[in-house]
Amino acid sequence: MKKHRAKPYLFILPVLVLALVFVYVPFVQSVVSSFFNVRMDGSLADFTGLRNYRNLFSNEIFAQSMANTFLFMLLFVPLNFLLIFLAVLLTERESRRNKFFETVFMLPMAMGMSSMALIFKYMFRPSVGIINRLIGIDIQWTNNALAAMFSVVFLGVFLDFGLDYIILLSSMRSLDKAPQEAARLDGANEWQVLTRIKLPLLSPTLFFVLFISIKDALLICAPVMVMTEGGPFRSTQTIVYYYYIEAFRNSNYSAAAAISTVVFIIAAIITSASAALDSRRVHYEN
């Protein structure tokens, strides 16, 4: 009997070991390092208490990076969520025509992040980029702060679209059809079926996609690194990209450890708030 109880834990043991070695131990080390001066070789020097955090919160670059991150989140999450939901509604029914659109919507999953960031970088060039030629407007994408932020948002939406689309489409197609048909027989129109039946049943998946979008917005770094390098004038420099600069360019490991801890605290707050919303607003099918 004990062997049967221990067997499931043996299956997840390799994953737990990997998580312990590459996630939890480094995280604890990072939190501890944030209270010390850290030498170039990574060893701890003298204890500084909260000085690293005081220096961080009095740093204008950190404040700007935080503001840029939340601005990106404010623009990215609603746009990403809306476009994915519209795409799912357009391809909800299985048909030969929709197979083509499904393939198009899933294509971003087959493309590398770095390569797509480079493509977007050239597409949004003000002088020779294809975007300005298509819309017939001369927008200084790389020289204007808000325009540069929107270009990164568009790249983020493109990179996230494929996976989120598959998740939401699969959930939509797996919904129980009986309540929908009963509602139509009672005279409900498609809008009522969508808002009164489908959306409540989809709420767990909608919540999951929304949470993933918020997480991706908070942790965005590589697309910014490749496409804008935080410019112009740090207008697209996010908090995680600022961490990259401090840790790997400036070798300021003390500040980097403090930044990573602050990011974890923000993520924990968002996760807790999302969990509270989940328990109150999300309806799970019995």
Protein backbone atom coordinates (compact mmCIF):
# COMPACT_ATOMS: atom_id res chain seq x y z
CA MET A 1 0.00 0.00 0.00
CA LYS A 2 2.82 2.39 0.88
CA LYS A 3 4.52 1.64 -2.45
CA HIS A 4 1.38 2.65 -4.34
CA ARG A 5 1.19 5.90 -2.36
CA ALA A 6 4.84 6.71 -3.04
CA LYS A 7 4.70 5.90 -6.76
CA PRO A 8 3.13 9.22 -7.94
CA TYR A 9 5.82 11.17 -6.06
CA LEU A 10 8.54 9.18 -7.81
CA PHE A 11 7.18 10.32 -11.17
CA ILE A 12 7.32 14.02 -10.23
CA LEU A 13 10.64 13.71 -8.37
CA PRO A 14 12.81 14.71 -11.40
CA VAL A 15 10.72 17.83 -11.94
CA LEU A 16 10.91 18.71 -8.26
CA VAL A 17 14.69 18.29 -8.26
CA LEU A 18 15.05 20.51 -11.35
CA ALA A 19 12.75 23.14 -9.83
CA LEU A 20 14.69 23.04 -6.58
CA VAL A 21 18.09 23.40 -8.26
CA PHE A 22 17.23 25.94 -10.95
CA VAL A 23 14.32 27.91 -9.43
CA TYR A 24 13.96 27.80 -5.65
CA VAL A 25 17.61 27.75 -4.60
CA PRO A 26 18.60 30.64 -6.95
CA PHE A 27 15.55 32.58 -5.80
CA VAL A 28 16.48 32.24 -2.13
CA GLN A 29 20.07 33.19 -2.94
CA SER A 30 18.84 36.26 -4.80
CA VAL A 31 16.67 37.39 -1.88
CA VAL A 32 19.55 36.93 0.55
CA SER A 33 21.95 38.75 -1.79
CA SER A 34 19.63 41.77 -1.88
CA PHE A 35 20.60 42.51 1.74
CA PHE A 36 24.36 42.39 1.06
CA ASN A 37 27.02 43.94 -1.10
CA VAL A 38 27.80 41.34 -3.74
CA ARG A 39 31.29 41.00 -5.16
CA MET A 40 32.06 40.49 -8.86
CA ASP A 41 32.50 36.75 -8.32
CA GLY A 42 29.04 36.51 -6.76
CA SER A 43 30.18 36.09 -3.16
CA LEU A 44 28.61 38.14 -0.38
CA ALA A 45 30.54 40.98 1.23
CA ASP A 46 29.19 43.17 4.06
CA PHE A 47 25.57 43.20 5.23
CA THR A 48 23.75 46.35 4.09
CA GLY A 49 20.20 45.74 5.35
CA LEU A 50 17.64 47.68 3.32
CA ARG A 51 20.14 50.04 1.70
CA ASN A 52 19.91 48.32 -1.69
CA TYR A 53 16.14 48.79 -1.64
CA ARG A 54 16.40 52.42 -0.55
CA ASN A 55 18.84 53.11 -3.36
CA LEU A 56 16.56 51.31 -5.78
CA PHE A 57 13.38 53.21 -4.90
CA SER A 58 15.21 56.53 -5.00
CA ASN A 59 16.54 55.74 -8.48
CA GLU A 60 14.70 57.60 -11.25
CA ILE A 61 15.61 54.92 -13.81
CA PHE A 62 13.95 52.25 -11.66
CA ALA A 63 10.83 54.39 -11.31
CA GLN A 64 10.72 54.97 -15.07
CA SER A 65 11.18 51.26 -15.74
CA MET A 66 8.29 50.43 -13.42
CA ALA A 67 6.08 53.01 -15.10
CA ASN A 68 7.00 51.64 -18.54
CA THR A 69 6.18 48.11 -17.41
CA PHE A 70 2.73 49.05 -16.16
CA LEU A 71 2.07 51.13 -19.28
CA PHE A 72 2.99 48.15 -21.42
CA MET A 73 0.69 45.97 -19.32
CA LEU A 74 -2.15 48.49 -19.65
CA LEU A 75 -1.82 48.51 -23.45
CA PHE A 76 -0.89 44.87 -24.05
CA VAL A 77 -3.33 42.91 -21.88
CA PRO A 78 -6.66 44.36 -23.17
CA LEU A 79 -5.50 44.37 -26.82
CA ASN A 80 -4.15 40.83 -26.63
CA PHE A 81 -7.25 39.54 -24.86
CA LEU A 82 -9.67 41.25 -27.26
CA LEU A 83 -7.94 40.06 -30.44
CA ILE A 84 -7.68 36.49 -29.21
CA PHE A 85 -11.33 36.40 -28.19
CA LEU A 86 -12.45 37.82 -31.56
CA ALA A 87 -10.31 35.26 -33.40
CA VAL A 88 -11.87 32.45 -31.37
CA LEU A 89 -15.39 33.70 -32.11
CA LEU A 90 -14.60 33.84 -35.84
CA THR A 91 -13.26 30.27 -35.93
CA GLU A 92 -15.44 28.69 -33.25
CA ARG A 93 -17.15 26.29 -35.65
CA GLU A 94 -15.09 23.57 -37.28
CA SER A 95 -15.07 23.92 -41.06
CA ARG A 96 -12.66 23.73 -43.99
CA ARG A 97 -12.55 27.51 -44.26
CA ASN A 98 -11.75 27.89 -40.58
CA LYS A 99 -8.91 25.38 -40.86
CA PHE A 100 -7.01 27.94 -42.94
CA PHE A 101 -7.57 30.71 -40.40
CA GLU A 102 -6.64 28.40 -37.53
CA THR A 103 -3.33 27.73 -39.24
CA VAL A 104 -2.72 31.44 -39.73
CA PHE A 105 -3.55 32.25 -36.11
CA MET A 106 -1.27 29.47 -34.82
CA LEU A 107 1.71 30.43 -36.99
CA PRO A 108 3.32 32.71 -34.36
CA MET A 109 4.01 29.60 -32.28
CA ALA A 110 6.30 28.28 -35.02
CA MET A 111 8.40 31.45 -35.17
CA GLY A 112 11.34 32.25 -32.93
CA MET A 113 11.07 35.23 -30.61
CA SER A 114 14.42 36.77 -31.55
CA SER A 115 13.87 36.39 -35.29
CA MET A 116 10.40 37.92 -35.09
CA ALA A 117 11.71 40.80 -32.96
CA LEU A 118 14.31 41.54 -35.64
CA ILE A 119 11.65 41.38 -38.36
CA PHE A 120 9.39 43.75 -36.42
CA LYS A 121 12.36 46.04 -35.83
CA TYR A 122 12.85 46.48 -39.57
CA MET A 123 9.11 46.59 -40.27
CA PHE A 124 8.69 49.56 -37.91
CA ARG A 125 11.68 51.57 -39.17
CA PRO A 126 10.40 55.08 -39.93
CA SER A 127 12.19 55.57 -43.27
CA VAL A 128 12.26 52.14 -44.93
CA GLY A 129 9.82 50.10 -42.80
CA ILE A 130 6.82 48.47 -44.47
CA ILE A 131 4.37 49.56 -41.75
CA ASN A 132 4.58 53.27 -42.62
CA ARG A 133 4.30 52.48 -46.32
CA LEU A 134 1.20 50.35 -45.79
CA ILE A 135 -0.67 52.91 -43.70
CA GLY A 136 0.67 55.89 -45.65
CA ILE A 137 1.67 57.82 -42.53
CA ASP A 138 5.13 58.88 -41.43
CA ILE A 139 5.27 57.68 -37.82
CA GLN A 140 8.62 57.92 -36.07
CA TRP A 141 8.35 54.52 -34.40
CA THR A 142 11.91 54.46 -33.07
CA ASN A 143 12.11 58.15 -32.17
CA ASN A 144 8.78 58.71 -30.42
CA ALA A 145 8.27 57.28 -26.93
CA LEU A 146 4.60 56.29 -27.25
CA ALA A 147 5.01 54.98 -30.80
CA ALA A 148 7.97 52.84 -29.72
CA MET A 149 5.90 51.43 -26.85
CA PHE A 150 3.07 50.55 -29.24
CA SER A 151 5.53 48.78 -31.56
CA VAL A 152 6.68 46.61 -28.64
CA VAL A 153 3.04 45.98 -27.70
CA PHE A 154 2.26 44.79 -31.24
CA LEU A 155 5.25 42.44 -31.09
CA GLY A 156 4.14 41.11 -27.71
CA VAL A 157 0.62 40.45 -29.01
CA PHE A 158 2.01 38.62 -32.04
CA LEU A 159 4.30 36.42 -29.92
CA ASP A 160 1.56 35.51 -27.41
CA PHE A 161 -1.26 35.09 -29.89
CA GLY A 162 -0.74 31.48 -31.02
CA LEU A 163 -0.68 29.73 -27.65
CA ASP A 164 -3.46 31.80 -26.09
CA TYR A 165 -5.60 31.26 -29.18
CA ILE A 166 -5.21 27.47 -29.00
CA ILE A 167 -6.07 27.39 -25.31
CA LEU A 168 -9.20 29.51 -25.67
CA LEU A 169 -10.37 27.86 -28.91
CA SER A 170 -10.03 24.37 -27.42
CA SER A 171 -12.03 25.43 -24.38
CA MET A 172 -14.72 27.06 -26.53
CA ARG A 173 -15.19 23.97 -28.68
CA SER A 174 -15.33 21.65 -25.67
CA LEU A 175 -18.25 23.47 -24.05
CA ASP A 176 -21.40 21.48 -23.42
CA LYS A 177 -23.75 22.12 -26.35
CA ALA A 178 -26.94 21.10 -24.50
CA PRO A 179 -27.45 24.37 -22.55
CA GLN A 180 -26.78 26.38 -25.72
CA GLU A 181 -29.33 24.45 -27.78
CA ALA A 182 -31.90 24.66 -24.98
CA ALA A 183 -31.44 28.42 -24.81
CA ARG A 184 -31.87 28.79 -28.57
CA LEU A 185 -35.06 26.72 -28.45
CA ASP A 186 -36.35 29.09 -25.77
CA GLY A 187 -35.78 32.04 -28.10
CA ALA A 188 -32.36 33.29 -27.01
CA ASN A 189 -30.29 35.02 -29.69
CA GLU A 190 -26.57 34.40 -30.25
CA TRP A 191 -25.53 37.39 -28.14
CA GLN A 192 -27.54 36.09 -25.18
CA VAL A 193 -26.11 32.60 -25.64
CA LEU A 194 -22.62 34.06 -25.67
CA THR A 195 -22.99 36.35 -22.64
CA ARG A 196 -25.29 34.20 -20.49
CA ILE A 197 -23.98 30.69 -21.21
CA LYS A 198 -20.66 30.57 -23.02
CA LEU A 199 -18.81 33.27 -21.09
CA PRO A 200 -19.68 31.88 -17.62
CA LEU A 201 -18.63 28.40 -18.74
CA LEU A 202 -15.45 29.83 -20.30
CA SER A 203 -14.56 31.90 -17.25
CA PRO A 204 -11.84 29.52 -15.93
CA THR A 205 -10.05 29.58 -19.29
CA LEU A 206 -10.59 33.30 -19.73
CA PHE A 207 -9.13 33.88 -16.30
CA PHE A 208 -6.13 31.67 -17.13
CA VAL A 209 -5.42 33.48 -20.42
CA LEU A 210 -5.79 36.84 -18.69
CA PHE A 211 -3.38 35.83 -15.95
CA ILE A 212 -0.83 34.54 -18.47
CA SER A 213 -1.06 37.84 -20.35
CA ILE A 214 -0.45 39.83 -17.17
CA LYS A 215 2.50 37.61 -16.29
CA ASP A 216 4.02 37.99 -19.76
CA ALA A 217 3.57 41.77 -19.60
CA LEU A 218 5.24 41.98 -16.21
CA LEU A 219 8.23 39.83 -17.23
CA ILE A 220 8.78 41.10 -20.78
CA CYS A 221 12.46 41.57 -21.53
CA ALA A 222 13.84 39.80 -24.61
CA PRO A 223 11.53 41.49 -27.18
CA VAL A 224 12.54 44.89 -25.76
CA MET A 225 16.20 43.89 -25.78
CA VAL A 226 16.13 42.94 -29.46
CA MET A 227 13.67 45.47 -30.87
CA THR A 228 14.29 48.78 -29.06
CA GLU A 229 17.02 48.18 -26.45
CA GLY A 230 14.87 50.23 -24.09
CA GLY A 231 14.86 53.31 -26.31
CA PRO A 232 14.19 55.97 -27.21
CA PHE A 233 15.47 57.58 -24.00
CA ARG A 234 14.48 54.53 -21.89
CA SER A 235 10.83 54.94 -22.89
CA THR A 236 10.46 51.18 -23.49
CA GLN A 237 12.84 49.98 -20.78
CA THR A 238 10.88 47.56 -18.60
CA ILE A 239 11.70 46.45 -15.09
CA VAL A 240 13.09 43.05 -16.14
CA TYR A 241 15.19 44.65 -18.88
CA TYR A 242 16.51 47.05 -16.25
CA TYR A 243 17.41 43.99 -14.17
CA TYR A 244 19.30 42.59 -17.19
CA ILE A 245 21.25 45.85 -17.56
CA GLU A 246 22.21 46.00 -13.89
CA ALA A 247 23.14 42.31 -13.64
CA PHE A 248 24.83 41.56 -16.96
CA ARG A 249 26.04 44.92 -18.25
CA ASN A 250 26.86 46.86 -15.11
CA SER A 251 27.65 43.81 -12.93
CA ASN A 252 25.72 45.48 -10.11
CA TYR A 253 24.54 42.23 -8.55
CA SER A 254 23.29 43.85 -5.34
CA ALA A 255 20.86 46.11 -7.23
CA ALA A 256 19.89 43.24 -9.55
CA ALA A 257 19.02 41.03 -6.56
CA ALA A 258 16.86 43.80 -5.11
CA ILE A 259 15.10 44.28 -8.45
CA SER A 260 14.34 40.58 -8.79
CA THR A 261 12.89 40.51 -5.28
CA VAL A 262 10.67 43.51 -6.01
CA VAL A 263 9.45 41.84 -9.21
CA PHE A 264 8.64 38.70 -7.24
CA ILE A 265 6.65 40.70 -4.68
CA ILE A 266 4.66 42.43 -7.44
CA ALA A 267 3.99 39.08 -9.12
CA ALA A 268 2.89 37.60 -5.79
CA ILE A 269 0.47 40.49 -5.20
CA ILE A 270 -1.00 40.11 -8.70
CA THR A 271 -1.29 36.35 -8.25
CA SER A 272 -3.03 36.73 -4.90
CA ALA A 273 -5.46 39.29 -6.31
CA SER A 274 -6.13 37.03 -9.29
CA ALA A 275 -6.75 34.06 -7.00
CA ALA A 276 -9.24 36.10 -4.99
CA LEU A 277 -11.00 37.12 -8.20
CA ASP A 278 -10.92 33.51 -9.34
CA SER A 279 -12.75 32.29 -6.24
CA ARG A 280 -15.45 34.97 -6.51
CA ARG A 281 -16.04 35.49 -10.24
CA VAL A 282 -15.04 32.27 -11.98
CA HIS A 283 -17.70 29.61 -12.46
CA TYR A 284 -16.55 26.03 -12.81
CA GLU A 285 -18.76 23.52 -14.53
CA ASN A 286 -19.95 20.66 -12.32
